[in-house]
Amino acid sequence: MPNIALLLNWIVFSVLVLGNVSFLLTSAIEKRWRATGLSFVSVILLLGAACLILFQPFEIPHGIVLFLPIGIIILTIMFILPIRKNLSIKVPGAPCRLDEREAIFHRFYRLRPGMKEFNTFYKMHPKLQAIDDKIRNMPNLDEPGSRSYDPLTSMMNAATFDVIEKITRDVEWLTRKTQVKVTDEEITSKIKGFGQYLGADLIGITKLNPAHVYSHIGRSPGKWGDPIELNHPFAIAIGVEMDFDMVHFAPHHASTTETAYKYFEAAKVAMILSRYIQLLGYEARAHVDGNYRVMCVPVAADAGLGELGRLGLLITPEFGPRVRLSVVTTNLPLVCDKPIAFGVQDFCTFCKKCARNCPSAAIDNGDKKIYNGVEKWQSSQESCYKFWRLQGSDCSLCLQVCPYSHPSSLTHNLVRWVIKQNHLARRLALLADDFFYGKRPKSGKTFPSWHQPSQLNDIDKFSEMTRTENSSS
């Protein structure tokens, strides 16, 4: 074998074997046993191929020996070339402000039969009453009768949401009359640093788009149906990572335990930052779980935290959709960040893993359409929430299966970088994700002792049951 061919083969096989060993170790640490087994087989096959090529127990034509490493190098270059198709969401129309009263949580968490507001709302929206009445006859998330209800652990969700409800009702505190003089750059640095210190994993700033402010009060505190006036020019978007292992218990309510706690963490950051700004003499309002005046996902996208994905949630470069959000709006002068595009709009067109695994079939499986002036995928909030009540959790299967949701590691971060580059890399990444984790990924996780359910122990069997029932319905 010529020296150049030998050298190239040694380099190529060394890189391939080391890469597969790294992925094997990563998968084992994450307890992703399917990926661990397949990557182990991959390592064995690579070592076998390396022995054949490098040590040649029988004669192999020099052309083939040289073609193999050159071909692999060319393919690698093709996958990492920065030929980006990182398109931003198109806004061909003029979005209108949405009414918070129409949001699913308002209809179930504030309206009650017999209330004047209840009758008024369903006179305004008669087509919603039949489906809403059907859902009302189902157990609440923390009540007996749902699939994953547990008399001990379901109360963990309820306890956290009760505390959030208690401490987030009053967020409009008085602003100090004397303003502290600040420069835009200095106070922006202070806000971001303080926010990260308080627990924000992601924080960005944008000019507040009026279309992202609700038009009328619904679930949030205040007089029901009153117009919302919010003239703050800036918004601070805050993201808190959800724990990878806890999310992988979806659709069991253990994932809701994580959801509730991270809403609490996001609210804590927003409320303290808001109060800090008020004490500097500037107006501020925190927008947190159950007390929003703005829509957090589009605000966070404008602030550069991520992109809107097919599943209707923000997908971030660092954590995928495994984030909970809060927002602070203010008139404090700040330096804005720019929106980002890292391939999500392209990737979501062909991935469809969230839609394929959605037990309620709520996630749009087709092409984008224009909704309120924005080209996007639109999920059915009624179908989604109906399944929540049936399940006794906030489901979160779409977060679990999203290929962007993998935890931070050398291997996963390398893949994240590669799929930013071009469409071909994204196609290969999805094929690899389906191969190593499955088109319908299973958890493989064991409940922590403090959250061990008394009624159901097999999370994979439980998840498969919900998917099978959905596919047959």
Protein backbone atom coordinates (compact mmCIF):
# COMPACT_ATOMS: atom_id res chain seq x y z
CA MET A 1 0.00 0.00 0.00
CA PRO A 2 1.40 3.43 -0.89
CA ASN A 3 2.41 5.52 2.11
CA ILE A 4 -0.11 8.31 1.32
CA ALA A 5 -3.03 5.86 1.19
CA LEU A 6 -1.89 4.21 4.42
CA LEU A 7 -1.62 7.56 6.19
CA LEU A 8 -5.04 8.75 5.00
CA ASN A 9 -6.67 5.50 6.08
CA TRP A 10 -5.05 5.65 9.52
CA ILE A 11 -6.32 9.22 9.97
CA VAL A 12 -9.85 8.50 8.73
CA PHE A 13 -10.35 5.31 10.73
CA SER A 14 -8.85 6.86 13.87
CA VAL A 15 -11.29 9.78 13.67
CA LEU A 16 -14.27 7.49 12.95
CA VAL A 17 -13.47 5.10 15.77
CA LEU A 18 -12.82 7.87 18.28
CA GLY A 19 -16.04 9.60 17.26
CA ASN A 20 -18.07 6.43 17.70
CA VAL A 21 -16.42 5.64 21.03
CA SER A 22 -17.24 9.16 22.20
CA PHE A 23 -20.88 8.70 21.15
CA LEU A 24 -20.98 5.28 22.82
CA LEU A 25 -19.78 6.74 26.13
CA THR A 26 -22.17 9.69 25.82
CA SER A 27 -25.11 7.35 25.18
CA ALA A 28 -24.16 5.13 28.13
CA ILE A 29 -23.90 8.12 30.47
CA GLU A 30 -27.31 9.33 29.28
CA LYS A 31 -28.71 5.77 29.68
CA ARG A 32 -29.86 5.72 26.07
CA TRP A 33 -29.46 1.98 25.72
CA ARG A 34 -30.53 1.58 22.10
CA ALA A 35 -27.96 4.18 21.03
CA THR A 36 -25.35 2.57 23.29
CA GLY A 37 -25.84 -0.86 21.73
CA LEU A 38 -25.88 0.37 18.14
CA SER A 39 -22.81 2.54 18.63
CA PHE A 40 -20.98 -0.45 20.17
CA VAL A 41 -21.78 -2.51 17.06
CA SER A 42 -20.63 0.43 14.93
CA VAL A 43 -17.28 0.53 16.74
CA ILE A 44 -16.75 -3.22 16.21
CA LEU A 45 -17.56 -2.94 12.50
CA LEU A 46 -15.22 0.03 12.08
CA LEU A 47 -12.39 -1.81 13.84
CA GLY A 48 -12.97 -4.81 11.59
CA ALA A 49 -12.92 -2.65 8.46
CA ALA A 50 -9.77 -0.91 9.70
CA CYS A 51 -8.00 -4.25 10.16
CA LEU A 52 -8.91 -5.29 6.62
CA ILE A 53 -7.75 -2.03 5.06
CA LEU A 54 -4.73 -1.21 7.19
CA PHE A 55 -3.23 -4.66 7.71
CA GLN A 56 -4.50 -6.27 4.48
CA PRO A 57 -4.71 -10.02 5.23
CA PHE A 58 -5.40 -10.34 1.50
CA GLU A 59 -4.56 -8.14 -1.48
CA ILE A 60 -6.82 -5.13 -2.00
CA PRO A 61 -6.46 -2.96 -5.14
CA HIS A 62 -4.63 0.28 -4.36
CA GLY A 63 -7.38 2.30 -6.04
CA ILE A 64 -9.99 1.02 -3.60
CA VAL A 65 -7.68 1.58 -0.65
CA LEU A 66 -7.14 5.19 -1.68
CA PHE A 67 -10.74 5.83 -2.74
CA LEU A 68 -12.19 5.01 0.69
CA PRO A 69 -10.50 7.78 2.75
CA ILE A 70 -10.76 10.34 -0.04
CA GLY A 71 -14.48 9.60 -0.43
CA ILE A 72 -15.09 9.96 3.30
CA ILE A 73 -13.14 13.24 3.41
CA ILE A 74 -15.14 14.64 0.47
CA LEU A 75 -18.45 13.64 2.10
CA THR A 76 -17.37 15.23 5.38
CA ILE A 77 -16.55 18.49 3.62
CA MET A 78 -19.95 18.41 1.92
CA PHE A 79 -21.69 18.08 5.29
CA ILE A 80 -19.81 20.92 6.99
CA LEU A 81 -19.73 23.44 4.17
CA PRO A 82 -21.58 26.56 5.38
CA ILE A 83 -24.15 26.51 2.57
CA ARG A 84 -26.87 27.65 4.90
CA LYS A 85 -30.58 27.48 4.30
CA ASN A 86 -31.29 29.13 7.62
CA LEU A 87 -34.48 30.96 6.74
CA SER A 88 -36.32 33.15 9.20
CA ILE A 89 -40.06 32.93 9.74
CA LYS A 90 -41.92 34.90 7.10
CA VAL A 91 -44.42 37.55 8.15
CA PRO A 92 -46.27 38.37 4.92
CA GLY A 93 -49.25 39.96 6.69
CA ALA A 94 -49.85 42.40 9.52
CA PRO A 95 -50.36 40.37 12.73
CA CYS A 96 -53.19 41.50 14.99
CA ARG A 97 -53.08 41.42 18.76
CA LEU A 98 -54.60 38.22 20.09
CA ASP A 99 -57.24 38.10 22.82
CA GLU A 100 -56.06 36.33 25.98
CA ARG A 101 -59.67 35.28 26.64
CA GLU A 102 -59.44 32.86 23.71
CA ALA A 103 -56.37 31.08 25.10
CA ILE A 104 -57.05 27.53 26.33
CA PHE A 105 -55.79 28.13 29.88
CA HIS A 106 -58.02 31.15 30.36
CA ARG A 107 -61.07 29.13 29.39
CA PHE A 108 -60.37 26.46 32.01
CA TYR A 109 -58.47 28.23 34.78
CA ARG A 110 -60.55 31.38 35.12
CA LEU A 111 -64.00 30.75 33.66
CA ARG A 112 -66.49 28.69 35.68
CA PRO A 113 -70.05 27.68 34.74
CA GLY A 114 -72.50 30.14 36.23
CA MET A 115 -70.12 33.09 36.01
CA LYS A 116 -71.31 36.11 34.03
CA GLU A 117 -68.00 36.04 32.14
CA PHE A 118 -68.55 32.36 31.28
CA ASN A 119 -71.86 33.09 29.57
CA THR A 120 -70.46 36.17 27.84
CA PHE A 121 -67.46 34.30 26.45
CA TYR A 122 -69.43 31.42 24.97
CA LYS A 123 -71.92 33.80 23.41
CA MET A 124 -68.91 35.36 21.69
CA HIS A 125 -67.46 31.93 20.78
CA PRO A 126 -70.34 29.40 20.56
CA LYS A 127 -68.30 26.91 18.51
CA LEU A 128 -65.90 26.40 21.44
CA GLN A 129 -68.51 25.42 24.03
CA ALA A 130 -69.10 21.82 22.95
CA ILE A 131 -65.43 20.78 23.06
CA ASP A 132 -64.81 22.81 26.22
CA ASP A 133 -67.75 21.22 28.03
CA LYS A 134 -66.45 17.77 27.09
CA ILE A 135 -63.02 18.60 28.51
CA ARG A 136 -64.58 20.03 31.71
CA ASN A 137 -66.11 16.63 32.43
CA MET A 138 -62.63 15.09 32.56
CA PRO A 139 -60.45 15.06 35.72
CA ASN A 140 -58.11 17.96 36.34
CA LEU A 141 -54.37 17.28 36.11
CA ASP A 142 -54.06 16.69 39.87
CA GLU A 143 -57.31 14.77 40.35
CA PRO A 144 -58.00 11.00 40.49
CA GLY A 145 -59.15 9.42 37.25
CA SER A 146 -56.39 10.43 34.86
CA ARG A 147 -53.93 7.86 33.52
CA SER A 148 -50.87 8.92 35.45
CA TYR A 149 -52.55 10.21 38.61
CA ASP A 150 -50.76 9.24 41.80
CA PRO A 151 -52.03 10.33 45.24
CA LEU A 152 -48.51 11.21 46.38
CA THR A 153 -46.54 12.49 43.40
CA SER A 154 -49.32 14.31 41.50
CA MET A 155 -49.50 16.69 44.43
CA MET A 156 -45.91 17.79 43.72
CA ASN A 157 -47.16 19.46 40.54
CA ALA A 158 -50.12 21.01 42.31
CA ALA A 159 -47.97 22.33 45.16
CA THR A 160 -45.57 24.12 42.81
CA PHE A 161 -48.31 25.67 40.69
CA ASP A 162 -50.17 26.77 43.85
CA VAL A 163 -47.08 28.63 45.06
CA ILE A 164 -46.60 30.23 41.63
CA GLU A 165 -50.25 31.31 41.71
CA LYS A 166 -49.80 32.81 45.15
CA ILE A 167 -46.65 34.83 44.55
CA THR A 168 -47.23 36.04 40.98
CA ARG A 169 -50.62 37.74 41.26
CA ASP A 170 -49.19 41.19 42.04
CA VAL A 171 -46.29 42.09 39.76
CA GLU A 172 -47.12 45.75 39.13
CA TRP A 173 -45.30 47.38 42.03
CA LEU A 174 -44.62 51.08 42.35
CA THR A 175 -41.70 52.60 40.48
CA ARG A 176 -39.23 54.75 42.40
CA LYS A 177 -39.69 58.40 41.40
CA THR A 178 -36.01 59.24 41.13
CA GLN A 179 -34.30 57.68 38.12
CA VAL A 180 -30.72 56.45 38.28
CA LYS A 181 -28.81 57.70 35.26
CA VAL A 182 -27.53 54.79 33.18
CA THR A 183 -25.96 54.16 29.81
CA ASP A 184 -27.61 51.62 27.53
CA GLU A 185 -24.53 49.42 27.34
CA GLU A 186 -23.76 49.42 31.07
CA ILE A 187 -27.28 48.63 32.26
CA THR A 188 -27.73 45.96 29.59
CA SER A 189 -24.62 44.23 30.91
CA LYS A 190 -25.94 44.53 34.48
CA ILE A 191 -29.37 43.17 33.56
CA LYS A 192 -27.96 40.15 31.72
CA GLY A 193 -25.38 39.39 34.39
CA PHE A 194 -27.88 39.72 37.25
CA GLY A 195 -30.40 37.60 35.37
CA GLN A 196 -27.86 34.83 34.83
CA TYR A 197 -26.86 35.02 38.49
CA LEU A 198 -30.51 34.60 39.47
CA GLY A 199 -30.78 31.44 37.38
CA ALA A 200 -31.51 32.40 33.78
CA ASP A 201 -29.82 29.99 31.38
CA LEU A 202 -30.75 32.22 28.44
CA ILE A 203 -31.43 35.94 28.38
CA GLY A 204 -31.95 38.30 25.47
CA ILE A 205 -33.37 41.75 24.78
CA THR A 206 -35.61 43.05 22.01
CA LYS A 207 -37.86 45.92 21.11
CA LEU A 208 -41.37 44.91 22.10
CA ASN A 209 -43.53 44.20 19.07
CA PRO A 210 -47.06 45.50 19.86
CA ALA A 211 -48.50 42.46 18.02
CA HIS A 212 -47.08 40.26 20.78
CA VAL A 213 -49.11 42.02 23.49
CA TYR A 214 -52.52 40.51 24.29
CA SER A 215 -55.49 42.72 23.45
CA HIS A 216 -57.75 41.94 26.44
CA ILE A 217 -57.36 40.53 29.94
CA GLY A 218 -58.31 36.89 30.26
CA ARG A 219 -56.61 34.56 32.71
CA SER A 220 -54.18 37.12 34.09
CA PRO A 221 -55.18 39.34 37.05
CA GLY A 222 -57.33 42.36 36.38
CA LYS A 223 -60.89 42.98 35.26
CA TRP A 224 -61.91 40.31 32.76
CA GLY A 225 -62.26 41.68 29.26
CA ASP A 226 -60.55 45.02 29.90
CA PRO A 227 -58.29 46.24 27.08
CA ILE A 228 -54.58 45.79 27.80
CA GLU A 229 -52.42 48.88 27.58
CA LEU A 230 -48.70 48.14 27.63
CA ASN A 231 -46.49 50.80 26.12
CA HIS A 232 -43.08 49.55 27.21
CA PRO A 233 -40.61 49.79 24.31
CA PHE A 234 -38.30 46.96 25.43
CA ALA A 235 -38.67 43.32 26.48
CA ILE A 236 -36.21 41.06 28.31
CA ALA A 237 -36.74 37.38 27.47
CA ILE A 238 -35.64 34.78 30.03
CA GLY A 239 -35.17 31.06 29.44
CA VAL A 240 -34.58 28.34 32.04
CA GLU A 241 -33.45 24.87 30.99
CA MET A 242 -35.63 21.88 31.81
CA ASP A 243 -33.77 18.82 33.10
CA PHE A 244 -33.17 16.27 30.34
CA ASP A 245 -33.88 13.23 32.52
CA MET A 246 -37.12 14.64 33.96
CA VAL A 247 -38.43 15.53 30.50
CA HIS A 248 -37.82 11.94 29.41
CA PHE A 249 -40.51 10.67 31.77
CA ALA A 250 -43.09 12.18 29.40
CA PRO A 251 -46.02 11.72 29.19
CA HIS A 252 -46.07 10.75 32.87
CA HIS A 253 -46.74 13.63 35.26
CA ALA A 254 -43.11 13.46 36.46
CA SER A 255 -42.35 15.65 33.45
CA THR A 256 -44.95 18.12 34.75
CA THR A 257 -43.10 18.26 38.05
CA GLU A 258 -40.16 19.61 36.06
CA THR A 259 -42.37 21.97 34.04
CA ALA A 260 -43.91 23.49 37.16
CA TYR A 261 -40.59 23.98 38.91
CA LYS A 262 -38.94 25.62 35.91
CA TYR A 263 -41.92 27.97 35.51
CA PHE A 264 -41.27 28.89 39.13
CA GLU A 265 -37.57 29.48 38.42
CA ALA A 266 -38.34 31.59 35.34
CA ALA A 267 -40.88 33.60 37.33
CA LYS A 268 -38.38 34.19 40.13
CA VAL A 269 -35.83 35.66 37.73
CA ALA A 270 -38.38 37.87 35.97
CA MET A 271 -39.94 39.21 39.14
CA ILE A 272 -36.63 40.12 40.77
CA LEU A 273 -35.32 41.73 37.59
CA SER A 274 -38.56 43.67 37.25
CA ARG A 275 -38.32 44.94 40.83
CA TYR A 276 -34.67 45.85 40.32
CA ILE A 277 -35.58 47.99 37.32
CA GLN A 278 -38.41 49.67 39.25
CA LEU A 279 -35.97 50.58 42.03
CA LEU A 280 -33.76 52.24 39.41
CA GLY A 281 -36.71 54.52 38.62
CA TYR A 282 -37.97 52.88 35.43
CA GLU A 283 -41.23 51.12 34.63
CA ALA A 284 -41.17 47.32 34.47
CA ARG A 285 -43.59 44.42 34.52
CA ALA A 286 -42.86 40.72 34.89
CA HIS A 287 -44.84 38.33 32.66
CA VAL A 288 -44.88 34.90 34.25
CA ASP A 289 -46.90 31.69 34.34
CA GLY A 290 -50.56 32.56 34.83
CA ASN A 291 -49.90 36.31 34.70
CA TYR A 292 -48.97 37.31 31.18
CA ARG A 293 -49.72 40.42 29.20
CA VAL A 294 -47.44 39.29 26.34
CA MET A 295 -46.82 36.07 24.41
CA CYS A 296 -43.46 34.77 25.56
CA VAL A 297 -42.49 32.59 22.58
CA PRO A 298 -42.49 35.29 19.86
CA VAL A 299 -40.87 37.76 22.24
CA ALA A 300 -38.10 35.26 23.00
CA ALA A 301 -37.63 34.59 19.28
CA ASP A 302 -37.29 38.33 18.63
CA ALA A 303 -34.72 38.50 21.45
CA GLY A 304 -32.52 35.88 19.81
CA LEU A 305 -33.13 32.99 22.21
CA GLY A 306 -34.28 30.59 19.47
CA GLU A 307 -36.76 29.91 16.70
CA LEU A 308 -40.40 28.86 16.59
CA GLY A 309 -40.61 25.17 15.64
CA ARG A 310 -43.28 22.89 14.24
CA LEU A 311 -44.38 21.92 17.76
CA GLY A 312 -45.40 25.52 18.48
CA LEU A 313 -42.67 26.08 21.07
CA LEU A 314 -39.37 27.94 21.05
CA ILE A 315 -36.45 25.77 19.92
CA THR A 316 -33.15 27.04 21.26
CA PRO A 317 -29.65 26.19 19.96
CA GLU A 318 -28.54 25.05 23.41
CA PHE A 319 -31.50 23.08 24.77
CA GLY A 320 -33.97 22.65 21.93
CA PRO A 321 -37.52 23.13 23.27
CA ARG A 322 -36.50 22.08 26.81
CA VAL A 323 -36.96 25.61 28.20
CA ARG A 324 -39.54 27.51 30.19
CA LEU A 325 -39.88 31.22 29.53
CA SER A 326 -40.72 34.47 31.24
CA VAL A 327 -40.50 38.09 30.09
CA VAL A 328 -39.91 41.51 31.61
CA THR A 329 -41.17 44.55 29.71
CA THR A 330 -39.75 47.95 30.55
CA ASN A 331 -38.97 51.49 29.45
CA LEU A 332 -35.39 51.12 30.68
CA PRO A 333 -33.10 51.94 27.72
CA LEU A 334 -31.38 48.73 26.64
CA VAL A 335 -29.22 47.37 23.82
CA CYS A 336 -31.21 44.87 21.75
CA ASP A 337 -30.10 41.48 20.50
CA LYS A 338 -30.85 40.23 16.99
CA PRO A 339 -33.12 37.29 16.10
CA ILE A 340 -31.28 34.14 15.11
CA ALA A 341 -31.85 31.51 12.42
CA PHE A 342 -29.93 28.25 12.76
CA GLY A 343 -31.85 25.90 10.48
CA VAL A 344 -35.00 25.12 12.48
CA GLN A 345 -37.40 26.29 9.76
CA ASP A 346 -35.73 23.95 7.28
CA PHE A 347 -35.26 21.03 9.71
CA CYS A 348 -38.88 21.05 10.88
CA THR A 349 -40.22 20.78 7.34
CA PHE A 350 -39.01 17.17 7.00
CA CYS A 351 -38.41 15.98 10.59
CA LYS A 352 -42.00 15.80 11.89
CA LYS A 353 -40.89 13.70 14.85
CA CYS A 354 -42.99 15.76 17.26
CA ALA A 355 -46.11 15.39 15.09
CA ARG A 356 -45.49 11.66 14.59
CA ASN A 357 -45.22 11.03 18.34
CA CYS A 358 -47.95 13.42 19.53
CA PRO A 359 -50.56 11.25 21.33
CA SER A 360 -53.31 13.79 20.64
CA ALA A 361 -52.42 14.44 16.98
CA ALA A 362 -52.47 18.12 17.93
CA ILE A 363 -49.26 19.08 16.11
CA ASP A 364 -49.59 20.13 12.48
CA ASN A 365 -48.17 17.43 10.21
CA GLY A 366 -48.48 19.42 6.98
CA ASP A 367 -46.95 22.48 5.42
CA LYS A 368 -46.87 25.95 6.91
CA LYS A 369 -49.88 28.21 6.46
CA ILE A 370 -50.56 31.86 7.16
CA TYR A 371 -51.98 32.39 10.63
CA ASN A 372 -52.60 35.95 11.76
CA GLY A 373 -50.15 37.27 9.20
CA VAL A 374 -47.36 34.81 10.08
CA GLU A 375 -46.28 31.75 8.05
CA LYS A 376 -46.01 28.91 10.55
CA TRP A 377 -47.33 25.56 11.74
CA GLN A 378 -50.37 25.80 13.99
CA SER A 379 -51.14 23.22 16.66
CA SER A 380 -54.62 22.47 18.02
CA GLN A 381 -54.69 23.73 21.60
CA GLU A 382 -58.01 21.96 22.26
CA SER A 383 -56.71 18.53 21.21
CA CYS A 384 -53.50 19.05 23.18
CA TYR A 385 -55.21 20.13 26.39
CA LYS A 386 -57.83 17.38 26.14
CA PHE A 387 -55.01 14.84 26.22
CA TRP A 388 -53.46 16.63 29.22
CA ARG A 389 -56.67 16.07 31.17
CA LEU A 390 -56.88 12.45 30.03
CA GLN A 391 -53.24 11.87 30.96
CA GLY A 392 -53.00 13.90 34.15
CA SER A 393 -49.85 15.67 32.92
CA ASP A 394 -48.71 18.33 30.48
CA CYS A 395 -47.57 15.44 28.22
CA SER A 396 -44.24 16.93 26.95
CA LEU A 397 -43.63 14.05 24.51
CA CYS A 398 -42.85 16.60 21.80
CA LEU A 399 -40.04 17.97 23.99
CA GLN A 400 -38.73 14.48 24.66
CA VAL A 401 -38.50 13.35 21.02
CA CYS A 402 -37.26 16.58 19.40
CA PRO A 403 -33.76 15.98 17.94
CA TYR A 404 -32.70 19.39 19.25
CA SER A 405 -33.46 18.32 22.86
CA HIS A 406 -30.36 16.23 23.50
CA PRO A 407 -28.30 17.38 26.50
CA SER A 408 -25.13 19.38 26.19
CA SER A 409 -22.10 17.19 25.49
CA LEU A 410 -19.13 17.24 23.12
CA THR A 411 -20.87 14.84 20.72
CA HIS A 412 -24.28 16.51 20.72
CA ASN A 413 -22.78 20.00 20.51
CA LEU A 414 -20.72 18.94 17.50
CA VAL A 415 -23.91 17.73 15.80
CA ARG A 416 -25.61 21.03 16.68
CA TRP A 417 -22.80 22.89 14.96
CA VAL A 418 -22.88 20.65 11.88
CA ILE A 419 -26.64 20.96 11.29
CA LYS A 420 -26.36 24.74 11.26
CA GLN A 421 -24.27 24.45 8.12
CA ASN A 422 -26.54 23.07 5.41
CA HIS A 423 -29.63 21.09 4.44
CA LEU A 424 -27.68 17.92 3.66
CA ALA A 425 -26.23 17.83 7.18
CA ARG A 426 -29.71 18.15 8.66
CA ARG A 427 -31.01 15.27 6.58
CA LEU A 428 -28.14 13.07 7.74
CA ALA A 429 -28.62 14.16 11.36
CA LEU A 430 -32.29 13.13 11.29
CA LEU A 431 -31.43 9.75 9.74
CA ALA A 432 -28.86 9.20 12.48
CA ASP A 433 -31.31 10.32 15.18
CA ASP A 434 -33.96 7.90 13.90
CA PHE A 435 -31.41 5.08 13.68
CA PHE A 436 -29.80 5.47 17.09
CA TYR A 437 -32.82 6.63 19.12
CA GLY A 438 -35.74 5.37 17.04
CA LYS A 439 -38.52 7.14 15.18
CA ARG A 440 -40.54 6.74 18.36
CA PRO A 441 -37.86 7.13 21.04
CA LYS A 442 -38.33 5.39 24.37
CA SER A 443 -37.27 6.82 27.67
CA GLY A 444 -35.12 4.12 29.25
CA LYS A 445 -35.17 6.21 32.42
CA THR A 446 -35.82 5.02 35.96
CA PHE A 447 -37.90 7.22 38.23
CA PRO A 448 -35.92 8.79 41.08
CA SER A 449 -36.89 7.31 44.43
CA TRP A 450 -38.61 10.51 45.56
CA HIS A 451 -40.86 10.46 42.47
CA GLN A 452 -41.41 6.72 42.17
CA PRO A 453 -45.11 6.25 41.29
CA SER A 454 -47.13 3.81 43.35
CA GLN A 455 -49.40 2.82 40.44
CA LEU A 456 -47.20 2.57 37.36
CA ASN A 457 -43.52 1.75 37.05
CA ASP A 458 -42.89 0.97 33.37
CA ILE A 459 -42.55 4.39 31.70
CA ASP A 460 -41.78 2.97 28.24
CA LYS A 461 -44.83 0.69 28.32
CA PHE A 462 -46.90 3.64 29.52
CA SER A 463 -45.67 5.92 26.70
CA GLU A 464 -46.23 3.23 24.07
CA MET A 465 -49.78 2.70 25.31
CA THR A 466 -50.69 6.32 24.70
CA ARG A 467 -49.12 6.34 21.24
CA THR A 468 -50.80 3.07 20.20
CA GLU A 469 -54.21 4.29 21.33
CA ASN A 470 -53.76 7.50 19.39
CA SER A 471 -52.70 5.74 16.18
CA SER A 472 -55.72 3.45 16.32
CA SER A 473 -58.22 6.20 17.05
